[in-house]
Protein backbone atom coordinates (compact mmCIF):
# COMPACT_ATOMS: atom_id res chain seq x y z
CA MET A 1 -68.70 167.18 -66.45
CA ALA A 2 -66.81 169.79 -68.76
CA GLU A 3 -68.47 173.22 -69.02
CA GLU A 4 -68.73 174.28 -72.64
CA GLY A 5 -67.04 176.92 -74.02
CA LEU A 6 -64.18 179.06 -72.80
CA VAL A 7 -63.71 178.86 -68.90
CA LEU A 8 -61.28 181.28 -67.27
CA TYR A 9 -59.72 179.92 -63.72
CA ALA A 10 -58.71 183.33 -61.50
CA ASP A 11 -58.09 184.74 -58.97
CA LEU A 12 -58.61 188.59 -58.96
CA ALA A 13 -55.71 189.53 -56.71
CA SER A 14 -53.42 188.36 -59.03
CA GLN A 15 -51.85 190.54 -61.72
CA PRO A 16 -51.45 188.33 -64.78
CA CYS A 17 -55.58 187.03 -64.04
CA ARG A 18 -56.55 190.63 -64.40
CA ALA A 19 -54.77 191.29 -67.45
CA VAL A 20 -56.58 188.00 -69.35
CA ILE A 21 -59.72 189.54 -67.97
CA ALA A 22 -59.28 192.69 -69.28
CA PHE A 23 -58.28 191.35 -72.66
CA LEU A 24 -61.15 188.84 -73.08
CA LYS A 25 -63.55 191.61 -72.13
CA LEU A 26 -61.72 194.18 -74.38
CA ALA A 27 -61.61 191.55 -77.44
CA HIS A 28 -65.12 191.10 -77.01
CA ILE A 29 -64.54 187.13 -76.57
CA PRO A 30 -67.28 185.17 -74.33
CA PHE A 31 -66.15 183.41 -71.56
CA THR A 32 -67.41 182.20 -68.08
CA LEU A 33 -64.83 183.24 -65.02
CA ARG A 34 -64.69 180.82 -62.15
CA VAL A 35 -62.97 182.83 -59.01
CA LEU A 36 -60.42 181.00 -56.64
CA SER A 37 -58.34 182.03 -54.35
CA ILE A 38 -54.48 181.57 -54.60
CA ARG A 39 -54.24 182.19 -51.38
CA LYS A 40 -56.43 179.12 -49.88
CA ARG A 41 -54.43 177.40 -52.92
CA GLU A 42 -58.11 176.03 -54.73
CA HIS A 43 -56.13 176.25 -58.08
CA LYS A 44 -54.18 173.42 -56.88
CA LYS A 45 -57.28 171.24 -56.86
CA LEU A 46 -58.04 171.82 -60.47
CA THR A 47 -57.70 168.14 -62.34
CA GLY A 48 -55.56 169.03 -65.59
CA ASN A 49 -53.94 172.21 -64.63
CA LEU A 50 -50.54 170.33 -64.67
CA LEU A 51 -48.42 173.80 -64.07
CA GLY A 52 -50.58 174.22 -60.68
CA THR A 53 -51.13 178.34 -61.66
CA LEU A 54 -53.59 180.81 -62.37
CA PRO A 55 -55.09 182.17 -64.69
CA TYR A 56 -56.06 178.82 -66.44
CA ILE A 57 -58.24 178.35 -69.02
CA GLU A 58 -60.34 175.34 -70.45
CA GLU A 59 -62.17 175.09 -73.51
CA LYS A 60 -63.32 171.75 -75.44
CA GLY A 61 -60.91 169.64 -73.10
CA PHE A 62 -58.09 171.50 -74.01
CA GLY A 63 -56.34 173.56 -70.83
CA LEU A 64 -53.83 175.99 -70.67
CA SER A 65 -52.16 178.31 -68.00
CA GLU A 66 -49.37 181.08 -68.13
CA SER A 67 -51.14 184.51 -69.02
CA HIS A 68 -48.87 185.08 -72.54
CA ALA A 69 -49.53 181.65 -73.37
CA ILE A 70 -52.71 182.11 -72.92
CA PHE A 71 -52.82 185.52 -74.71
CA ALA A 72 -50.97 183.33 -77.74
CA TYR A 73 -53.74 180.78 -78.24
CA LEU A 74 -56.57 182.96 -77.85
CA LEU A 75 -55.02 185.34 -80.62
CA ALA A 76 -54.55 181.92 -82.86
CA THR A 77 -58.24 181.06 -82.38
CA ARG A 78 -60.32 184.19 -82.79
CA LYS A 79 -60.61 187.37 -84.61
CA CYS A 80 -58.98 189.76 -82.87
CA ALA A 81 -57.98 193.47 -83.57
CA ASP A 82 -54.53 193.30 -85.09
CA HIS A 83 -53.34 195.97 -82.56
CA TRP A 84 -53.54 193.74 -79.81
CA LEU A 85 -50.45 191.77 -81.41
CA PRO A 86 -49.61 193.44 -84.56
CA SER A 87 -49.01 191.48 -87.64
CA GLU A 88 -46.52 194.34 -88.99
CA PRO A 89 -43.09 192.23 -88.05
CA LYS A 90 -41.40 195.27 -86.35
CA ALA A 91 -44.42 196.01 -84.39
CA GLN A 92 -45.03 192.10 -83.09
CA ALA A 93 -41.76 191.94 -82.30
CA LEU A 94 -41.71 194.82 -79.84
CA CYS A 95 -44.93 193.55 -78.34
CA GLN A 96 -43.39 190.10 -78.22
CA GLN A 97 -40.21 191.39 -77.13
CA TYR A 98 -41.60 192.79 -74.19
CA LEU A 99 -43.99 189.66 -72.96
CA HIS A 100 -40.29 187.64 -72.83
CA TRP A 101 -39.13 190.48 -70.74
CA HIS A 102 -41.95 191.08 -68.37
CA HIS A 103 -41.32 187.98 -66.35
CA THR A 104 -37.42 189.20 -65.08
CA SER A 105 -38.21 192.88 -65.04
CA VAL A 106 -41.33 194.60 -64.23
CA ARG A 107 -43.02 191.24 -62.87
CA ASN A 108 -40.26 192.08 -60.10
CA LEU A 109 -42.62 194.68 -58.30
CA GLY A 110 -45.10 192.11 -58.04
CA PHE A 111 -42.72 190.03 -56.64
CA TYR A 112 -41.50 193.01 -54.09
CA LEU A 113 -44.77 192.75 -52.88
CA PHE A 114 -45.59 189.33 -52.33
CA TRP A 115 -42.66 188.89 -50.09
CA SER A 116 -43.03 191.91 -48.27
CA PHE A 117 -46.56 191.72 -47.29
CA ALA A 118 -48.52 188.47 -48.60
CA ALA A 119 -46.13 185.51 -48.10
CA HIS A 120 -46.34 185.20 -44.71
CA GLN A 121 -49.92 184.56 -44.75
CA MET A 122 -49.15 181.49 -46.74
CA GLY A 123 -46.58 180.18 -44.41
CA MET A 124 -43.73 181.42 -46.67
CA LYS A 125 -40.68 183.24 -45.75
CA ALA A 126 -37.99 184.49 -48.13
CA PRO A 127 -34.29 184.91 -47.22
CA ALA A 128 -33.21 187.81 -46.04
CA GLY A 129 -32.65 190.62 -48.84
CA THR A 130 -35.16 189.21 -51.31
CA ALA A 131 -37.82 191.66 -51.38
CA GLU A 132 -35.38 194.40 -51.51
CA GLU A 133 -33.58 192.77 -54.65
CA HIS A 134 -36.92 192.46 -56.28
CA TRP A 135 -37.64 196.21 -55.69
CA LYS A 136 -34.40 196.79 -57.09
CA LYS A 137 -34.97 195.40 -60.02
CA GLY A 138 -38.43 196.33 -60.79
CA ARG A 139 -37.77 200.22 -60.44
CA GLU A 140 -34.80 199.77 -63.29
CA ALA A 141 -37.15 197.83 -65.21
CA LEU A 142 -39.52 201.21 -64.75
CA ASN A 143 -36.54 202.89 -65.54
CA THR A 144 -36.42 201.18 -68.92
CA LEU A 145 -39.90 201.24 -69.76
CA ASN A 146 -39.65 205.05 -69.42
CA THR A 147 -36.79 205.24 -72.02
CA TRP A 148 -38.94 202.61 -73.74
CA LEU A 149 -41.66 204.85 -73.96
CA THR A 150 -39.54 207.67 -75.66
CA LEU A 151 -40.64 205.75 -79.08
CA HIS A 152 -44.36 205.66 -78.97
CA PRO A 153 -47.25 205.64 -76.73
CA TYR A 154 -47.57 202.20 -76.44
CA ILE A 155 -45.19 199.45 -75.68
CA ALA A 156 -45.52 198.24 -79.44
CA GLY A 157 -46.29 201.33 -80.94
CA THR A 158 -49.50 203.53 -81.35
CA GLU A 159 -52.25 201.63 -80.02
CA ILE A 160 -52.65 199.15 -76.88
CA SER A 161 -51.64 195.60 -77.16
CA VAL A 162 -51.55 192.64 -74.82
CA ALA A 163 -48.20 193.99 -73.97
CA ASP A 164 -49.61 196.90 -72.53
CA LEU A 165 -52.37 194.83 -70.10
CA SER A 166 -49.85 192.81 -68.59
CA ALA A 167 -47.53 195.50 -67.70
CA VAL A 168 -50.28 197.75 -66.27
CA CYS A 169 -51.62 195.11 -64.17
CA GLU A 170 -48.25 194.94 -62.58
CA VAL A 171 -48.10 198.42 -61.96
CA ALA A 172 -51.13 198.75 -60.57
CA GLN A 173 -50.36 196.47 -57.79
CA LEU A 174 -48.39 198.85 -56.09
CA GLN A 175 -51.68 200.28 -54.95
CA LEU A 176 -51.66 198.21 -52.32
CA VAL A 177 -49.42 200.26 -50.22
CA PRO A 178 -50.43 203.65 -49.56
CA ASN A 179 -48.71 206.03 -51.61
CA LEU A 180 -46.13 203.59 -53.28
CA LEU A 181 -47.63 204.14 -57.00
CA ALA A 182 -47.97 207.81 -57.06
CA SER A 183 -44.00 207.89 -55.25
CA THR A 184 -42.80 205.29 -57.70
CA LEU A 185 -44.61 207.18 -60.57
CA ALA A 186 -43.37 211.10 -59.72
CA ASP A 187 -40.02 210.69 -61.46
CA LEU A 188 -41.28 208.59 -64.32
CA PRO A 189 -42.97 210.90 -66.61
CA LEU A 190 -43.41 209.11 -69.66
CA VAL A 191 -44.62 205.66 -67.43
CA SER A 192 -46.95 207.79 -65.50
CA LYS A 193 -49.32 208.96 -68.61
CA TRP A 194 -48.56 205.83 -70.37
CA PHE A 195 -49.98 204.27 -66.83
CA GLU A 196 -53.27 206.47 -66.70
CA ARG A 197 -53.76 206.03 -70.53
CA VAL A 198 -54.03 202.08 -70.08
CA TYR A 199 -55.47 201.82 -66.84
CA ASN A 200 -58.67 204.24 -67.16
CA VAL A 201 -59.47 202.22 -70.29
CA PRO A 202 -62.86 200.79 -68.56
CA GLU A 203 -62.51 197.28 -68.99
CA VAL A 204 -58.98 197.84 -67.73
CA LYS A 205 -60.27 198.87 -64.74
CA ALA A 206 -63.15 196.89 -64.25
CA ALA A 207 -60.43 194.53 -63.87
CA HIS A 208 -58.87 196.15 -61.09
CA SER A 209 -62.49 196.80 -58.91
CA VAL A 210 -61.19 193.68 -56.13
CA LEU A 211 -57.84 195.51 -55.78
CA GLU A 212 -59.01 198.85 -55.24
CA GLY A 213 -61.25 197.46 -52.76
CA ILE A 214 -58.46 196.18 -50.83
CA SER A 215 -56.32 199.01 -51.31
CA ALA A 216 -59.06 201.28 -49.87
CA LYS A 217 -59.49 198.81 -46.61
CA VAL A 218 -55.58 199.37 -46.11
CA ARG A 219 -55.69 202.92 -46.25
CA ALA A 220 -58.63 203.04 -43.76
CA ARG A 221 -56.99 200.79 -41.54
CA LEU A 222 -54.15 203.50 -41.26
């Protein structure tokens, strides 16, 4: 029998999943969390999940995946603070601009980590140079974001938005490699300040507790 209310299926090691969790908590939207493992391919067993990806939500027979689509659905069906997706046209356009750009830009940081360290655990091997190409694109995206942040302290203006949540969860993934986050942000002063500002929001930091635990175990093995 389907559960009543909003149910979120998520892997806490996944950047898009953490972004949705942080938003749900910050927006005070009640939900039930069902933790699955992408590495064990548990998400592939979800009936109705047509794309076979996480995060995935279910509500009253309706299912939806892709974090940015989930943001759009939740913002359209709940009364949320305006700053999450500003109603002012220019601010909303800036937020949407980032959300569309995210997948081919900052998301490359996670792709780099996946192909460098995690893919082999899932029996996958990338063509030569794949990880390096993702790293190059990810670093170029952070340079662009650093310039972007000269205009205002957050991606869409003077307040936090869903764009910031998507971005910060991607950058935070660099914690998995000792010293990589610090060294990457060292020459990006505005991204560094923005990251500290957004990551240290209690709900955002709480969403990263599993990631921080994995990072601590990696450091302990060195």
